[in-house]
Amino acid sequence: MTEPVRLAKALAQMLNCSRREAEQYIEGGWVRVDGVVVEEPQFRVGSQKIELDRDASLLALTPVTLLLHKPAGHEAGLGSASRQPAPPALQLLVPANRSADDRSGIRPLKKHFSAQALATPLATPASGLVVFTQDWRVARKLSEDASVMEHEVIVEVSGDLVPGGLERLNRVDHGFTYRGVLLPPARVSWQNETRLRFALKGEQPGQIAYMCEAVGLSVQAMKRIRVGRVPMSSLAVGQWRYLLPTERF
């Protein structure tokens, strides 16, 4: 009977390569044990059949960025006013929730779901586009440009808009001061009788509700549909997709 050893060790011996190279093959999803892909170098094997995919590559695993349509009620970095803890949006990043419309062509790997950092917080009651990333360049871009990057948000409202309210929301000299800071101008328009579209830069938590209340409206729901130049498009609630190589925030 063969004494079980780490898969990385067995593969290194089989290929006559280094242990690190063997680990890269395994973590890249290129190795099968008895016909099943195994991505853990520490997986123990004995007499099982080990196979290396013919397309296997030793190129370093590229950090990925995931776009999630967060459902309302899931926590994404801004906490919740409720005493009941909200389920974290991060838990939705699993292979089963990948959008069928994902056009990236990327093979999902377990490594893609580890060390994902939330780059665009969103209030728990709100829904919409949230960005998680392993790529330090994407994280830095979204962090450094947070004050000038435009977010597009659809807001369900109730109440009666005060005369001139929409014009005030759009004026450069609107006079809205939130938490002691003069807010930058926003672009606001009606989508229908109860829905407003906000396009604003440097959005702060609570800012939209504050602006709406100032003109006689009460926010019922919010959905972020764009961050910078990246739209959520047809991504279904609770599903995610990979950021395409051609997409830039």
Protein backbone atom coordinates (compact mmCIF):
# COMPACT_ATOMS: atom_id res chain seq x y z
CA MET A 1 0.00 0.00 0.00
CA THR A 2 1.38 3.41 -1.01
CA GLU A 3 1.92 5.85 1.86
CA PRO A 4 -0.15 9.03 1.19
CA VAL A 5 1.90 12.12 0.32
CA ARG A 6 1.10 15.71 -0.61
CA LEU A 7 -0.13 16.08 -4.18
CA ALA A 8 2.53 18.73 -4.85
CA LYS A 9 5.29 16.30 -3.88
CA ALA A 10 3.83 13.48 -5.98
CA LEU A 11 3.42 15.76 -9.00
CA ALA A 12 6.94 17.18 -8.66
CA GLN A 13 8.32 13.65 -8.70
CA MET A 14 6.14 12.68 -11.66
CA LEU A 15 7.18 15.72 -13.74
CA ASN A 16 10.72 16.03 -12.40
CA CYS A 17 10.04 19.67 -11.56
CA SER A 18 10.35 21.80 -8.45
CA ARG A 19 7.77 21.66 -5.65
CA ARG A 20 6.84 25.30 -6.31
CA GLU A 21 6.20 24.60 -9.99
CA ALA A 22 4.03 21.65 -9.01
CA GLU A 23 2.05 23.90 -6.64
CA GLN A 24 1.48 26.41 -9.47
CA TYR A 25 0.11 23.70 -11.74
CA ILE A 26 -2.24 22.52 -9.00
CA GLU A 27 -3.44 25.97 -7.95
CA GLY A 28 -4.01 26.79 -11.62
CA GLY A 29 -6.56 24.00 -11.87
CA TRP A 30 -4.43 21.95 -14.27
CA VAL A 31 -4.19 18.74 -12.22
CA ARG A 32 -6.69 15.88 -11.92
CA VAL A 33 -6.69 13.06 -9.39
CA ASP A 34 -8.69 10.09 -10.62
CA GLY A 35 -10.34 12.41 -13.14
CA VAL A 36 -11.30 15.13 -10.64
CA VAL A 37 -9.64 18.55 -10.62
CA VAL A 38 -7.83 19.20 -7.33
CA GLU A 39 -6.59 22.70 -6.54
CA GLU A 40 -5.02 22.09 -3.11
CA PRO A 41 -1.27 21.30 -3.18
CA GLN A 42 -1.59 19.74 0.31
CA PHE A 43 -4.19 17.20 -0.89
CA ARG A 44 -3.02 13.70 0.09
CA VAL A 45 -2.66 11.06 -2.61
CA GLY A 46 -1.61 7.44 -2.57
CA SER A 47 -2.12 5.15 -5.53
CA GLN A 48 -4.60 7.43 -7.37
CA LYS A 49 -4.03 8.40 -10.99
CA ILE A 50 -2.52 11.89 -11.34
CA GLU A 51 -2.90 13.73 -14.65
CA LEU A 52 -1.61 17.09 -15.88
CA ASP A 53 -3.77 18.94 -18.41
CA ARG A 54 -2.14 19.20 -21.83
CA ASP A 55 -2.76 22.98 -21.82
CA ALA A 56 -1.12 23.43 -18.42
CA SER A 57 0.82 26.66 -17.98
CA LEU A 58 3.27 27.87 -15.35
CA LEU A 59 2.26 31.49 -15.84
CA ALA A 60 1.53 33.13 -12.50
CA LEU A 61 -2.12 33.17 -11.51
CA THR A 62 -3.50 36.59 -12.48
CA PRO A 63 -5.37 38.47 -9.72
CA VAL A 64 -9.03 38.83 -10.61
CA THR A 65 -11.74 41.40 -9.96
CA LEU A 66 -15.33 40.32 -9.36
CA LEU A 67 -18.45 42.41 -9.93
CA LEU A 68 -21.39 41.48 -7.71
CA HIS A 69 -25.05 42.54 -7.83
CA LYS A 70 -25.51 42.82 -4.07
CA PRO A 71 -29.04 42.15 -2.82
CA ALA A 72 -30.59 44.57 -0.35
CA GLY A 73 -30.03 43.34 3.20
CA HIS A 74 -26.48 42.06 2.65
CA GLU A 75 -23.58 43.83 4.37
CA ALA A 76 -20.87 45.35 2.17
CA GLY A 77 -18.58 47.39 4.35
CA LEU A 78 -20.95 50.02 5.78
CA GLY A 79 -22.63 48.00 8.53
CA SER A 80 -26.32 47.90 9.35
CA ALA A 81 -28.61 49.88 11.62
CA SER A 82 -30.47 46.67 12.47
CA ARG A 83 -29.63 44.74 15.63
CA GLN A 84 -29.69 41.57 13.57
CA PRO A 85 -26.36 41.00 11.82
CA ALA A 86 -26.68 41.11 8.05
CA PRO A 87 -25.19 38.32 5.93
CA PRO A 88 -21.97 39.48 4.28
CA ALA A 89 -22.09 40.03 0.53
CA LEU A 90 -18.72 38.26 0.31
CA GLN A 91 -20.51 34.96 0.96
CA LEU A 92 -22.21 35.25 -2.42
CA LEU A 93 -18.89 34.92 -4.26
CA VAL A 94 -19.11 31.20 -5.00
CA PRO A 95 -19.00 29.37 -8.36
CA ALA A 96 -22.71 28.55 -8.24
CA ASN A 97 -23.58 32.28 -8.31
CA ARG A 98 -21.53 33.10 -11.40
CA SER A 99 -23.64 34.79 -14.08
CA ALA A 100 -24.41 32.68 -17.13
CA ASP A 101 -23.78 35.84 -19.18
CA ASP A 102 -20.14 36.14 -18.03
CA ARG A 103 -18.14 36.71 -21.24
CA SER A 104 -14.67 36.65 -19.68
CA GLY A 105 -13.83 33.06 -20.61
CA ILE A 106 -12.01 32.70 -17.28
CA ARG A 107 -12.03 29.28 -15.62
CA PRO A 108 -13.23 29.75 -12.02
CA LEU A 109 -10.61 28.62 -9.50
CA LYS A 110 -10.85 28.35 -5.73
CA LYS A 111 -7.96 30.79 -5.53
CA HIS A 112 -10.14 33.45 -7.20
CA PHE A 113 -12.38 33.59 -4.13
CA SER A 114 -9.63 34.02 -1.53
CA ALA A 115 -8.15 37.36 -0.43
CA GLN A 116 -10.90 39.31 -2.18
CA ALA A 117 -10.98 42.90 -0.90
CA LEU A 118 -14.12 45.03 -0.97
CA ALA A 119 -13.32 48.09 -3.08
CA THR A 120 -16.71 49.86 -3.27
CA PRO A 121 -18.70 49.74 0.00
CA LEU A 122 -22.48 49.93 -0.21
CA ALA A 123 -25.09 50.45 2.50
CA THR A 124 -26.79 47.28 3.74
CA PRO A 125 -30.34 48.37 2.75
CA ALA A 126 -29.16 49.26 -0.77
CA SER A 127 -28.67 46.89 -3.69
CA GLY A 128 -26.52 47.05 -6.77
CA LEU A 129 -22.98 46.94 -8.07
CA VAL A 130 -20.21 46.09 -5.62
CA VAL A 131 -16.59 45.47 -6.61
CA PHE A 132 -14.29 42.92 -4.97
CA THR A 133 -10.71 42.61 -6.15
CA GLN A 134 -7.40 40.82 -5.66
CA ASP A 135 -5.66 43.30 -7.98
CA TRP A 136 -3.79 46.02 -6.08
CA ARG A 137 -3.96 48.28 -9.16
CA VAL A 138 -7.77 48.14 -9.24
CA ALA A 139 -7.95 48.63 -5.46
CA ARG A 140 -5.66 51.67 -5.64
CA LYS A 141 -7.59 53.18 -8.55
CA LEU A 142 -10.92 52.90 -6.75
CA SER A 143 -9.45 54.19 -3.50
CA GLU A 144 -7.42 57.12 -4.84
CA ASP A 145 -10.14 58.26 -7.26
CA ALA A 146 -13.05 57.75 -4.84
CA SER A 147 -13.73 61.47 -4.53
CA VAL A 148 -13.92 62.05 -8.29
CA MET A 149 -15.28 58.75 -9.60
CA GLU A 150 -18.91 58.97 -10.62
CA HIS A 151 -21.49 56.49 -9.30
CA GLU A 152 -24.90 56.09 -10.90
CA VAL A 153 -27.72 55.22 -8.52
CA ILE A 154 -31.43 54.59 -9.12
CA VAL A 155 -33.51 55.81 -6.14
CA GLU A 156 -37.11 54.90 -5.38
CA VAL A 157 -38.75 57.81 -3.57
CA SER A 158 -42.05 58.83 -2.03
CA GLY A 159 -43.45 62.19 -0.99
CA ASP A 160 -44.03 65.49 -2.74
CA LEU A 161 -41.13 67.26 -4.39
CA VAL A 162 -40.96 70.89 -3.30
CA PRO A 163 -41.26 73.51 -6.05
CA GLY A 164 -37.90 73.88 -7.76
CA GLY A 165 -36.58 70.81 -5.96
CA LEU A 166 -35.24 69.01 -9.03
CA GLU A 167 -33.55 72.17 -10.24
CA ARG A 168 -31.89 72.60 -6.84
CA LEU A 169 -30.59 69.02 -6.88
CA ASN A 170 -28.90 69.77 -10.21
CA ARG A 171 -27.54 73.24 -9.50
CA VAL A 172 -23.81 73.70 -9.02
CA ASP A 173 -24.62 76.17 -6.24
CA HIS A 174 -27.20 73.87 -4.62
CA GLY A 175 -25.89 74.68 -1.12
CA PHE A 176 -26.06 71.11 0.20
CA THR A 177 -23.64 70.69 3.08
CA TYR A 178 -23.37 67.19 4.52
CA ARG A 179 -21.36 66.40 7.65
CA GLY A 180 -19.75 69.80 7.40
CA VAL A 181 -18.64 69.38 3.78
CA LEU A 182 -20.09 71.17 0.76
CA LEU A 183 -21.24 68.47 -1.63
CA PRO A 184 -20.13 68.50 -5.28
CA PRO A 185 -22.84 68.98 -7.92
CA ALA A 186 -24.88 65.98 -9.03
CA ARG A 187 -26.90 65.14 -12.11
CA VAL A 188 -30.43 64.11 -11.15
CA SER A 189 -33.36 63.22 -13.39
CA TRP A 190 -36.71 61.45 -13.18
CA GLN A 191 -36.86 57.87 -14.54
CA ASN A 192 -40.58 57.64 -13.84
CA GLU A 193 -43.06 59.09 -11.32
CA THR A 194 -41.36 57.49 -8.29
CA ARG A 195 -37.80 56.88 -9.45
CA LEU A 196 -34.86 59.26 -9.62
CA ARG A 197 -31.51 58.70 -11.29
CA PHE A 198 -28.50 60.19 -9.45
CA ALA A 199 -25.08 60.50 -11.06
CA LEU A 200 -22.68 61.89 -8.48
CA LYS A 201 -19.01 61.89 -7.56
CA GLY A 202 -17.53 61.07 -4.18
CA GLU A 203 -20.80 59.69 -2.82
CA GLN A 204 -20.89 59.51 0.97
CA PRO A 205 -23.05 57.14 3.03
CA GLY A 206 -26.39 58.81 3.68
CA GLN A 207 -25.79 61.61 1.18
CA ILE A 208 -28.57 60.72 -1.25
CA ALA A 209 -31.15 60.32 1.52
CA TYR A 210 -30.10 63.72 2.93
CA MET A 211 -30.44 65.43 -0.46
CA CYS A 212 -33.83 63.85 -1.10
CA GLU A 213 -35.18 64.85 2.31
CA ALA A 214 -34.05 68.43 1.68
CA VAL A 215 -36.44 68.63 -1.28
CA GLY A 216 -39.41 66.84 0.31
CA LEU A 217 -38.74 63.24 -0.72
CA SER A 218 -38.18 60.06 1.30
CA VAL A 219 -35.93 57.27 -0.01
CA GLN A 220 -37.60 53.86 -0.22
CA ALA A 221 -34.87 51.92 -2.02
CA MET A 222 -31.55 52.47 -3.79
CA LYS A 223 -29.70 50.51 -6.44
CA ARG A 224 -26.20 51.39 -7.69
CA ILE A 225 -25.95 50.55 -11.39
CA ARG A 226 -22.56 51.96 -12.36
CA VAL A 227 -19.13 52.64 -10.84
CA GLY A 228 -16.99 54.90 -13.00
CA ARG A 229 -17.19 53.55 -16.56
CA VAL A 230 -18.24 50.03 -15.52
CA PRO A 231 -22.01 49.36 -15.56
CA MET A 232 -23.81 46.54 -13.79
CA SER A 233 -25.86 45.95 -16.96
CA SER A 234 -27.94 42.75 -16.85
CA LEU A 235 -26.19 41.13 -13.89
CA ALA A 236 -28.95 39.41 -11.87
CA VAL A 237 -29.44 39.96 -8.14
CA GLY A 238 -27.04 37.80 -6.12
CA GLN A 239 -24.88 36.93 -9.12
CA TRP A 240 -21.34 37.98 -10.03
CA ARG A 241 -19.05 38.08 -13.04
CA TYR A 242 -15.38 38.69 -13.78
CA LEU A 243 -14.21 42.18 -14.75
CA LEU A 244 -13.28 41.97 -18.43
CA PRO A 245 -9.70 42.83 -19.47
CA THR A 246 -11.10 45.62 -21.64
CA GLU A 247 -13.09 47.26 -18.81
CA ARG A 248 -11.65 50.24 -16.96
CA PHE A 249 -13.14 52.12 -14.05
